[in-house]
Amino acid sequence: MKTVIIVSDSHGLKDELAMLKERHQGEADAFIHCGDSELDYQSELMEGFRRVRGNCDFDTNYPNEVDFLLDNMKFYVTHGHLYRVKSTLIPLSYRAEEVGADIVCFGHSHYATVEQVGNTLLINPGSMDHPRGRIEKTYAKLTWENRNQLRVEFLDLEGKEIPKLSKSIVFGQD
């Protein structure tokens, strides 16, 4: 089973980020940070993360976007502020189409959500620091055995699943 841990908007939290990395170190095939870590790009805590620059990250070493392949699935990662994700996902879904992404990971709005737009899955893990729309501080865990059936679990900082947010997705179907 493939496992990807997705976080965003940690806004300087160090102990929580270290704890999360330690908790999932043995199981994760990839770690993603969708920006606003407010840590230096070269910070030891950010090592191992595919990471991007958020609007609160001032280290210019962060790229605005990254993409990579994992198990023949193309991931696209961006913070979201450059795509107006607080009001619509349309510009982000267009960008995903341009780069041929299967999975888009983004943050910025602090709302934990997962949506399928066409043949692309968009995941916002919420915020580890200032969640919106709920009390729990969240991150996401994406798992799959095959690329047609994925599971997105939203977890609180203690690692407990938030069932109301989590979804199983038959991928590639509208």
N, C-alpha and C. Protein backbone atom coordinates (compact mmCIF):
# COMPACT_ATOMS: atom_id res chain seq x y z
N MET A 1 0.85 -1.19 0.00
CA MET A 1 0.00 0.00 0.00
C MET A 1 0.89 1.24 0.00
N LYS A 2 0.54 2.19 -0.84
CA LYS A 2 1.25 3.47 -0.89
C LYS A 2 0.59 4.44 0.08
N THR A 3 1.43 5.24 0.74
CA THR A 3 0.95 6.20 1.74
C THR A 3 1.67 7.53 1.56
N VAL A 4 0.89 8.61 1.51
CA VAL A 4 1.44 9.95 1.42
C VAL A 4 0.85 10.78 2.56
N ILE A 5 1.71 11.44 3.31
CA ILE A 5 1.29 12.32 4.40
C ILE A 5 1.35 13.76 3.88
N ILE A 6 0.24 14.48 4.03
CA ILE A 6 0.12 15.83 3.47
C ILE A 6 -0.20 16.81 4.59
N VAL A 7 0.62 17.85 4.72
CA VAL A 7 0.40 18.88 5.74
C VAL A 7 0.47 20.25 5.08
N SER A 8 -0.07 21.23 5.78
CA SER A 8 0.00 22.60 5.30
C SER A 8 -0.21 23.55 6.46
N ASP A 9 0.20 24.77 6.25
CA ASP A 9 -0.11 25.86 7.17
C ASP A 9 0.21 25.51 8.62
N SER A 10 1.45 25.08 8.83
CA SER A 10 1.91 24.77 10.20
C SER A 10 2.40 26.02 10.91
N HIS A 11 2.66 27.08 10.18
CA HIS A 11 2.97 28.41 10.71
C HIS A 11 3.93 28.40 11.91
N GLY A 12 5.09 27.79 11.69
CA GLY A 12 6.15 27.84 12.69
C GLY A 12 6.10 26.73 13.73
N LEU A 13 5.10 25.89 13.72
CA LEU A 13 5.04 24.78 14.68
C LEU A 13 6.19 23.82 14.40
N LYS A 14 6.99 23.57 15.41
CA LYS A 14 8.14 22.68 15.24
C LYS A 14 7.91 21.33 15.90
N ASP A 15 7.50 21.33 17.16
CA ASP A 15 7.29 20.06 17.87
C ASP A 15 6.24 19.21 17.18
N GLU A 16 5.16 19.82 16.74
CA GLU A 16 4.07 19.10 16.09
C GLU A 16 4.51 18.51 14.76
N LEU A 17 5.31 19.26 14.01
CA LEU A 17 5.81 18.78 12.73
C LEU A 17 6.77 17.61 12.94
N ALA A 18 7.64 17.72 13.93
CA ALA A 18 8.58 16.63 14.25
C ALA A 18 7.82 15.38 14.69
N MET A 19 6.80 15.56 15.51
CA MET A 19 6.00 14.44 15.99
C MET A 19 5.29 13.74 14.83
N LEU A 20 4.74 14.51 13.93
CA LEU A 20 4.05 13.95 12.77
C LEU A 20 5.01 13.15 11.90
N LYS A 21 6.20 13.69 11.64
CA LYS A 21 7.19 12.98 10.83
C LYS A 21 7.59 11.67 11.51
N GLU A 22 7.81 11.72 12.79
CA GLU A 22 8.20 10.52 13.54
C GLU A 22 7.08 9.48 13.52
N ARG A 23 5.85 9.91 13.70
CA ARG A 23 4.69 9.01 13.73
C ARG A 23 4.56 8.22 12.43
N HIS A 24 4.81 8.86 11.29
CA HIS A 24 4.56 8.24 10.00
C HIS A 24 5.82 7.83 9.24
N GLN A 25 6.98 7.96 9.87
CA GLN A 25 8.26 7.72 9.19
C GLN A 25 8.33 6.34 8.53
N GLY A 26 7.90 5.31 9.21
CA GLY A 26 8.03 3.96 8.67
C GLY A 26 7.01 3.60 7.61
N GLU A 27 5.91 4.32 7.54
CA GLU A 27 4.85 3.95 6.61
C GLU A 27 4.75 4.85 5.38
N ALA A 28 5.23 6.07 5.46
CA ALA A 28 5.02 7.04 4.38
C ALA A 28 6.00 6.83 3.22
N ASP A 29 5.44 6.81 2.02
CA ASP A 29 6.25 6.79 0.80
C ASP A 29 6.65 8.20 0.41
N ALA A 30 5.91 9.19 0.89
CA ALA A 30 6.23 10.60 0.62
C ALA A 30 5.58 11.47 1.70
N PHE A 31 6.26 12.57 1.99
CA PHE A 31 5.74 13.63 2.86
C PHE A 31 5.63 14.88 2.02
N ILE A 32 4.50 15.58 2.14
CA ILE A 32 4.27 16.81 1.39
C ILE A 32 3.92 17.92 2.37
N HIS A 33 4.55 19.08 2.19
CA HIS A 33 4.16 20.28 2.94
C HIS A 33 3.72 21.32 1.93
N CYS A 34 2.47 21.74 2.03
CA CYS A 34 1.86 22.65 1.04
C CYS A 34 2.07 24.13 1.36
N GLY A 35 3.07 24.45 2.15
CA GLY A 35 3.43 25.84 2.35
C GLY A 35 2.94 26.45 3.65
N ASP A 36 3.48 27.63 3.92
CA ASP A 36 3.29 28.35 5.18
C ASP A 36 3.80 27.56 6.37
N SER A 37 4.98 26.95 6.19
CA SER A 37 5.66 26.33 7.33
C SER A 37 6.29 27.42 8.20
N GLU A 38 6.68 28.50 7.55
CA GLU A 38 7.41 29.61 8.17
C GLU A 38 8.77 29.16 8.71
N LEU A 39 9.29 28.07 8.17
CA LEU A 39 10.62 27.58 8.52
C LEU A 39 11.54 27.79 7.33
N ASP A 40 12.83 27.84 7.58
CA ASP A 40 13.79 27.94 6.48
C ASP A 40 13.70 26.70 5.61
N TYR A 41 13.92 26.87 4.32
CA TYR A 41 13.86 25.76 3.39
C TYR A 41 14.84 24.65 3.81
N GLN A 42 16.00 25.04 4.31
CA GLN A 42 17.03 24.08 4.71
C GLN A 42 16.85 23.57 6.14
N SER A 43 15.78 23.96 6.82
CA SER A 43 15.53 23.50 8.17
C SER A 43 15.51 21.97 8.23
N GLU A 44 16.12 21.42 9.25
CA GLU A 44 16.13 19.97 9.44
C GLU A 44 14.72 19.41 9.49
N LEU A 45 13.79 20.16 10.07
CA LEU A 45 12.40 19.70 10.14
C LEU A 45 11.75 19.55 8.77
N MET A 46 12.21 20.32 7.81
CA MET A 46 11.62 20.26 6.46
C MET A 46 12.27 19.20 5.58
N GLU A 47 13.37 18.61 6.04
CA GLU A 47 14.01 17.56 5.27
C GLU A 47 13.04 16.39 5.09
N GLY A 48 13.01 15.87 3.88
CA GLY A 48 12.13 14.74 3.59
C GLY A 48 10.77 15.15 3.05
N PHE A 49 10.44 16.44 3.16
CA PHE A 49 9.17 16.94 2.62
C PHE A 49 9.36 17.43 1.19
N ARG A 50 8.42 17.10 0.31
CA ARG A 50 8.27 17.83 -0.94
C ARG A 50 7.59 19.11 -0.49
N ARG A 51 8.19 20.25 -0.71
CA ARG A 51 7.70 21.47 -0.07
C ARG A 51 7.66 22.64 -1.04
N VAL A 52 6.69 23.53 -0.76
CA VAL A 52 6.50 24.71 -1.59
C VAL A 52 6.38 25.94 -0.71
N ARG A 53 6.46 27.07 -1.36
CA ARG A 53 6.40 28.36 -0.68
C ARG A 53 4.96 28.83 -0.54
N GLY A 54 4.60 29.21 0.66
CA GLY A 54 3.31 29.83 0.91
C GLY A 54 3.46 31.33 1.02
N ASN A 55 2.35 32.02 1.16
CA ASN A 55 2.39 33.48 1.25
C ASN A 55 3.03 33.97 2.55
N CYS A 56 3.21 33.10 3.53
CA CYS A 56 3.89 33.47 4.79
C CYS A 56 5.30 32.91 4.88
N ASP A 57 5.80 32.31 3.80
CA ASP A 57 7.18 31.81 3.76
C ASP A 57 8.05 32.84 3.06
N PHE A 58 9.06 33.30 3.76
CA PHE A 58 9.89 34.36 3.20
C PHE A 58 11.22 33.86 2.66
N ASP A 59 11.53 32.59 2.86
CA ASP A 59 12.74 31.99 2.31
C ASP A 59 12.51 31.77 0.81
N THR A 60 13.26 32.46 -0.01
CA THR A 60 13.06 32.40 -1.46
C THR A 60 13.58 31.10 -2.08
N ASN A 61 14.16 30.22 -1.29
CA ASN A 61 14.60 28.92 -1.82
C ASN A 61 13.41 27.99 -2.09
N TYR A 62 12.28 28.29 -1.46
CA TYR A 62 11.08 27.48 -1.71
C TYR A 62 10.57 27.73 -3.12
N PRO A 63 10.25 26.67 -3.87
CA PRO A 63 9.59 26.89 -5.16
C PRO A 63 8.10 27.15 -4.94
N ASN A 64 7.46 27.78 -5.90
CA ASN A 64 6.01 28.01 -5.83
C ASN A 64 5.22 26.75 -6.09
N GLU A 65 5.82 25.80 -6.80
CA GLU A 65 5.14 24.56 -7.11
C GLU A 65 6.17 23.46 -7.33
N VAL A 66 5.77 22.24 -7.06
CA VAL A 66 6.58 21.07 -7.39
C VAL A 66 5.64 19.99 -7.93
N ASP A 67 6.18 19.13 -8.76
CA ASP A 67 5.42 17.96 -9.16
C ASP A 67 6.36 16.76 -9.14
N PHE A 68 5.78 15.59 -8.98
CA PHE A 68 6.57 14.36 -8.93
C PHE A 68 5.66 13.17 -9.20
N LEU A 69 6.28 12.06 -9.55
CA LEU A 69 5.56 10.81 -9.79
C LEU A 69 5.76 9.87 -8.62
N LEU A 70 4.68 9.20 -8.23
CA LEU A 70 4.75 8.14 -7.22
C LEU A 70 3.77 7.06 -7.66
N ASP A 71 4.28 5.88 -7.89
CA ASP A 71 3.44 4.75 -8.30
C ASP A 71 2.62 5.10 -9.54
N ASN A 72 3.27 5.78 -10.48
CA ASN A 72 2.65 6.18 -11.74
C ASN A 72 1.49 7.17 -11.56
N MET A 73 1.47 7.86 -10.44
CA MET A 73 0.48 8.93 -10.20
C MET A 73 1.26 10.25 -10.17
N LYS A 74 0.79 11.22 -10.91
CA LYS A 74 1.46 12.52 -10.93
C LYS A 74 0.85 13.43 -9.87
N PHE A 75 1.71 13.89 -8.97
CA PHE A 75 1.32 14.82 -7.91
C PHE A 75 1.76 16.23 -8.30
N TYR A 76 0.91 17.18 -8.00
CA TYR A 76 1.22 18.60 -8.18
C TYR A 76 0.97 19.26 -6.83
N VAL A 77 1.96 20.02 -6.34
CA VAL A 77 1.87 20.65 -5.02
C VAL A 77 2.09 22.15 -5.18
N THR A 78 1.20 22.92 -4.57
CA THR A 78 1.32 24.38 -4.53
C THR A 78 0.61 24.85 -3.27
N HIS A 79 0.88 26.07 -2.86
CA HIS A 79 0.20 26.56 -1.65
C HIS A 79 -1.25 26.91 -1.94
N GLY A 80 -1.49 27.56 -3.05
CA GLY A 80 -2.86 27.88 -3.42
C GLY A 80 -3.15 29.36 -3.51
N HIS A 81 -2.35 30.18 -2.86
CA HIS A 81 -2.61 31.62 -2.87
C HIS A 81 -2.49 32.22 -4.26
N LEU A 82 -1.70 31.61 -5.13
CA LEU A 82 -1.55 32.12 -6.49
C LEU A 82 -2.72 31.69 -7.39
N TYR A 83 -3.60 30.86 -6.85
CA TYR A 83 -4.73 30.34 -7.62
C TYR A 83 -6.09 30.67 -6.99
N ARG A 84 -6.12 31.60 -6.07
CA ARG A 84 -7.37 32.09 -5.46
C ARG A 84 -8.23 30.98 -4.84
N VAL A 85 -7.58 30.02 -4.17
CA VAL A 85 -8.32 28.86 -3.66
C VAL A 85 -9.30 29.19 -2.54
N LYS A 86 -9.20 30.37 -1.98
CA LYS A 86 -10.17 30.75 -0.94
C LYS A 86 -11.55 31.04 -1.52
N SER A 87 -11.61 31.30 -2.84
CA SER A 87 -12.92 31.60 -3.44
C SER A 87 -13.37 30.58 -4.48
N THR A 88 -12.41 29.88 -5.12
CA THR A 88 -12.78 28.91 -6.15
C THR A 88 -11.62 27.95 -6.40
N LEU A 89 -11.93 26.77 -6.87
CA LEU A 89 -10.88 25.80 -7.22
C LEU A 89 -10.67 25.73 -8.74
N ILE A 90 -11.38 26.55 -9.49
CA ILE A 90 -11.30 26.48 -10.95
C ILE A 90 -9.90 26.80 -11.48
N PRO A 91 -9.24 27.90 -11.08
CA PRO A 91 -7.89 28.15 -11.60
C PRO A 91 -6.91 27.02 -11.23
N LEU A 92 -7.05 26.48 -10.03
CA LEU A 92 -6.17 25.38 -9.61
C LEU A 92 -6.45 24.13 -10.44
N SER A 93 -7.69 23.85 -10.72
CA SER A 93 -8.01 22.67 -11.53
C SER A 93 -7.51 22.84 -12.96
N TYR A 94 -7.53 24.08 -13.48
CA TYR A 94 -6.96 24.33 -14.81
C TYR A 94 -5.46 24.09 -14.81
N ARG A 95 -4.79 24.55 -13.75
CA ARG A 95 -3.33 24.33 -13.65
C ARG A 95 -3.04 22.83 -13.56
N ALA A 96 -3.84 22.11 -12.79
CA ALA A 96 -3.66 20.66 -12.67
C ALA A 96 -3.77 20.00 -14.04
N GLU A 97 -4.72 20.45 -14.84
CA GLU A 97 -4.89 19.91 -16.18
C GLU A 97 -3.67 20.23 -17.05
N GLU A 98 -3.16 21.46 -16.93
CA GLU A 98 -1.98 21.87 -17.71
C GLU A 98 -0.78 20.98 -17.44
N VAL A 99 -0.56 20.62 -16.17
CA VAL A 99 0.62 19.82 -15.82
C VAL A 99 0.34 18.33 -15.83
N GLY A 100 -0.91 17.94 -16.11
CA GLY A 100 -1.26 16.53 -16.17
C GLY A 100 -1.29 15.85 -14.82
N ALA A 101 -1.71 16.57 -13.79
CA ALA A 101 -1.71 16.03 -12.43
C ALA A 101 -2.90 15.11 -12.18
N ASP A 102 -2.62 14.03 -11.48
CA ASP A 102 -3.68 13.15 -10.98
C ASP A 102 -4.13 13.61 -9.60
N ILE A 103 -3.16 14.04 -8.79
CA ILE A 103 -3.41 14.46 -7.41
C ILE A 103 -2.84 15.86 -7.22
N VAL A 104 -3.66 16.77 -6.70
CA VAL A 104 -3.20 18.12 -6.38
C VAL A 104 -3.28 18.29 -4.86
N CYS A 105 -2.18 18.76 -4.28
CA CYS A 105 -2.13 19.04 -2.84
C CYS A 105 -1.90 20.54 -2.67
N PHE A 106 -2.74 21.16 -1.86
CA PHE A 106 -2.66 22.61 -1.67
C PHE A 106 -3.13 22.97 -0.27
N GLY A 107 -2.89 24.20 0.11
CA GLY A 107 -3.30 24.69 1.42
C GLY A 107 -3.94 26.06 1.29
N HIS A 108 -3.47 26.98 2.11
CA HIS A 108 -3.83 28.40 2.11
C HIS A 108 -5.17 28.72 2.77
N SER A 109 -6.22 28.00 2.47
CA SER A 109 -7.53 28.36 3.02
C SER A 109 -7.73 27.86 4.44
N HIS A 110 -6.91 26.90 4.86
CA HIS A 110 -7.00 26.28 6.20
C HIS A 110 -8.24 25.40 6.35
N TYR A 111 -8.96 25.12 5.26
CA TYR A 111 -10.13 24.24 5.28
C TYR A 111 -9.71 22.85 4.81
N ALA A 112 -9.93 21.84 5.63
CA ALA A 112 -9.64 20.46 5.26
C ALA A 112 -10.72 20.00 4.29
N THR A 113 -10.28 19.59 3.10
CA THR A 113 -11.25 19.18 2.08
C THR A 113 -10.61 18.26 1.06
N VAL A 114 -11.42 17.45 0.44
CA VAL A 114 -10.99 16.64 -0.71
C VAL A 114 -12.12 16.69 -1.73
N GLU A 115 -11.75 16.98 -2.97
CA GLU A 115 -12.73 17.07 -4.06
C GLU A 115 -12.15 16.45 -5.31
N GLN A 116 -13.01 15.78 -6.05
CA GLN A 116 -12.62 15.25 -7.34
C GLN A 116 -13.19 16.18 -8.41
N VAL A 117 -12.31 16.70 -9.25
CA VAL A 117 -12.71 17.56 -10.35
C VAL A 117 -12.23 16.86 -11.63
N GLY A 118 -13.17 16.33 -12.37
CA GLY A 118 -12.80 15.54 -13.54
C GLY A 118 -12.02 14.32 -13.10
N ASN A 119 -10.83 14.16 -13.67
CA ASN A 119 -9.97 13.03 -13.31
C ASN A 119 -8.84 13.45 -12.39
N THR A 120 -9.05 14.52 -11.64
CA THR A 120 -8.04 15.02 -10.71
C THR A 120 -8.61 15.08 -9.31
N LEU A 121 -7.82 14.63 -8.35
CA LEU A 121 -8.20 14.69 -6.95
C LEU A 121 -7.48 15.86 -6.29
N LEU A 122 -8.24 16.79 -5.70
CA LEU A 122 -7.66 17.96 -5.03
C LEU A 122 -7.79 17.77 -3.53
N ILE A 123 -6.66 17.86 -2.82
CA ILE A 123 -6.62 17.64 -1.38
C ILE A 123 -6.03 18.85 -0.67
N ASN A 124 -6.80 19.40 0.25
CA ASN A 124 -6.30 20.42 1.17
C ASN A 124 -6.32 19.78 2.56
N PRO A 125 -5.15 19.59 3.17
CA PRO A 125 -5.10 18.91 4.47
C PRO A 125 -5.60 19.74 5.64
N GLY A 126 -5.97 20.98 5.38
CA GLY A 126 -6.36 21.87 6.48
C GLY A 126 -5.13 22.52 7.08
N SER A 127 -5.23 22.92 8.31
CA SER A 127 -4.13 23.62 8.97
C SER A 127 -3.73 22.92 10.26
N MET A 128 -2.43 22.84 10.47
CA MET A 128 -1.90 22.29 11.72
C MET A 128 -1.91 23.34 12.83
N ASP A 129 -2.19 24.58 12.46
CA ASP A 129 -2.10 25.66 13.45
C ASP A 129 -3.41 26.41 13.65
N HIS A 130 -4.03 26.90 12.59
CA HIS A 130 -5.25 27.69 12.69
C HIS A 130 -6.32 27.13 11.77
N PRO A 131 -6.99 26.04 12.16
CA PRO A 131 -8.01 25.47 11.27
C PRO A 131 -9.20 26.41 11.11
N ARG A 132 -9.84 26.30 9.97
CA ARG A 132 -11.08 27.05 9.73
C ARG A 132 -12.19 26.05 9.46
N GLY A 133 -13.36 26.35 9.98
CA GLY A 133 -14.51 25.50 9.75
C GLY A 133 -14.62 24.32 10.70
N ARG A 134 -13.64 24.20 11.60
CA ARG A 134 -13.66 23.11 12.59
C ARG A 134 -12.67 23.40 13.70
N ILE A 135 -12.78 22.65 14.76
CA ILE A 135 -11.90 22.86 15.92
C ILE A 135 -10.57 22.13 15.75
N GLU A 136 -10.64 20.90 15.19
CA GLU A 136 -9.44 20.06 15.11
C GLU A 136 -8.41 20.64 14.15
N LYS A 137 -7.17 20.61 14.59
CA LYS A 137 -6.04 20.93 13.73
C LYS A 137 -5.76 19.66 12.93
N THR A 138 -5.62 19.79 11.61
CA THR A 138 -5.63 18.60 10.76
C THR A 138 -4.44 18.49 9.83
N TYR A 139 -4.26 17.24 9.37
CA TYR A 139 -3.40 16.92 8.24
C TYR A 139 -4.05 15.73 7.55
N ALA A 140 -3.53 15.32 6.39
CA ALA A 140 -4.17 14.26 5.61
C ALA A 140 -3.21 13.11 5.36
N LYS A 141 -3.82 11.94 5.23
CA LYS A 141 -3.10 10.71 4.89
C LYS A 141 -3.80 10.10 3.68
N LEU A 142 -3.10 10.04 2.56
CA LEU A 142 -3.62 9.46 1.32
C LEU A 142 -3.03 8.07 1.17
N THR A 143 -3.90 7.07 0.94
CA THR A 143 -3.43 5.70 0.76
C THR A 143 -4.12 5.06 -0.45
N TRP A 144 -3.42 4.10 -1.06
CA TRP A 144 -4.02 3.33 -2.13
C TRP A 144 -3.25 2.03 -2.34
N GLU A 145 -4.02 1.01 -2.73
CA GLU A 145 -3.45 -0.28 -3.15
C GLU A 145 -3.30 -0.28 -4.67
N ASN A 146 -4.31 0.27 -5.34
CA ASN A 146 -4.24 0.46 -6.78
C ASN A 146 -4.77 1.85 -7.08
N ARG A 147 -4.43 2.35 -8.23
CA ARG A 147 -4.72 3.76 -8.53
C ARG A 147 -6.19 4.06 -8.74
N ASN A 148 -7.04 3.04 -8.73
CA ASN A 148 -8.47 3.28 -8.93
C ASN A 148 -9.23 3.46 -7.63
N GLN A 149 -8.65 3.07 -6.52
CA GLN A 149 -9.35 3.20 -5.24
C GLN A 149 -8.41 3.83 -4.22
N LEU A 150 -8.73 5.06 -3.87
CA LEU A 150 -7.90 5.80 -2.93
C LEU A 150 -8.69 6.11 -1.67
N ARG A 151 -7.97 6.35 -0.61
CA ARG A 151 -8.59 6.72 0.66
C ARG A 151 -7.86 7.96 1.17
N VAL A 152 -8.62 9.00 1.50
CA VAL A 152 -8.06 10.20 2.11
C VAL A 152 -8.61 10.27 3.54
N GLU A 153 -7.72 10.13 4.49
CA GLU A 153 -8.10 10.25 5.90
C GLU A 153 -7.59 11.59 6.42
N PHE A 154 -8.44 12.29 7.12
CA PHE A 154 -8.02 13.50 7.80
C PHE A 154 -7.81 13.14 9.26
N LEU A 155 -6.66 13.54 9.77
CA LEU A 155 -6.26 13.20 11.12
C LEU A 155 -6.05 14.45 11.94
N ASP A 156 -6.30 14.34 13.26
CA ASP A 156 -5.95 15.45 14.14
C ASP A 156 -4.49 15.30 14.54
N LEU A 157 -3.97 16.24 15.30
CA LEU A 157 -2.54 16.21 15.62
C LEU A 157 -2.14 15.02 16.49
N GLU A 158 -3.12 14.37 17.13
CA GLU A 158 -2.82 13.16 17.91
C GLU A 158 -2.82 11.92 17.01
N GLY A 159 -3.16 12.09 15.75
CA GLY A 159 -3.17 10.97 14.81
C GLY A 159 -4.49 10.24 14.74
N LYS A 160 -5.53 10.79 15.36
CA LYS A 160 -6.85 10.16 15.32
C LYS A 160 -7.62 10.64 14.09
N GLU A 161 -8.26 9.69 13.41
CA GLU A 161 -9.03 10.02 12.22
C GLU A 161 -10.27 10.84 12.57
N ILE A 162 -10.62 11.75 11.67
CA ILE A 162 -11.85 12.53 11.76
C ILE A 162 -12.78 11.97 10.68
N PRO A 163 -13.62 10.98 11.04
CA PRO A 163 -14.41 10.25 10.05
C PRO A 163 -15.31 11.12 9.18
N LYS A 164 -15.85 12.21 9.70
CA LYS A 164 -16.75 13.06 8.92
C LYS A 164 -16.05 13.68 7.70
N LEU A 165 -14.73 13.84 7.79
CA LEU A 165 -13.97 14.45 6.69
C LEU A 165 -13.41 13.42 5.72
N SER A 166 -13.08 12.24 6.21
CA SER A 166 -12.38 11.24 5.42
C SER A 166 -13.28 10.68 4.32
N LYS A 167 -12.65 10.28 3.20
CA LYS A 167 -13.40 9.77 2.06
C LYS A 167 -12.64 8.65 1.36
N SER A 168 -13.41 7.70 0.85
CA SER A 168 -12.88 6.72 -0.10
C SER A 168 -13.32 7.19 -1.48
N ILE A 169 -12.39 7.10 -2.43
CA ILE A 169 -12.66 7.64 -3.74
C ILE A 169 -12.41 6.56 -4.80
N VAL A 170 -13.36 6.39 -5.69
CA VAL A 170 -13.13 5.58 -6.88
C VAL A 170 -12.52 6.55 -7.88
N PHE A 171 -11.25 6.42 -8.09
CA PHE A 171 -10.48 7.43 -8.82
C PHE A 171 -10.68 7.31 -10.33
N GLY A 172 -10.71 8.47 -10.95
CA GLY A 172 -10.83 8.53 -12.39
C GLY A 172 -12.26 8.50 -12.88
N GLN A 173 -13.21 8.58 -11.95
CA GLN A 173 -14.62 8.62 -12.34
C GLN A 173 -15.23 9.89 -11.75
N ASP A 174 -16.01 10.59 -12.55
CA ASP A 174 -16.67 11.81 -12.08
C ASP A 174 -17.78 11.49 -11.11
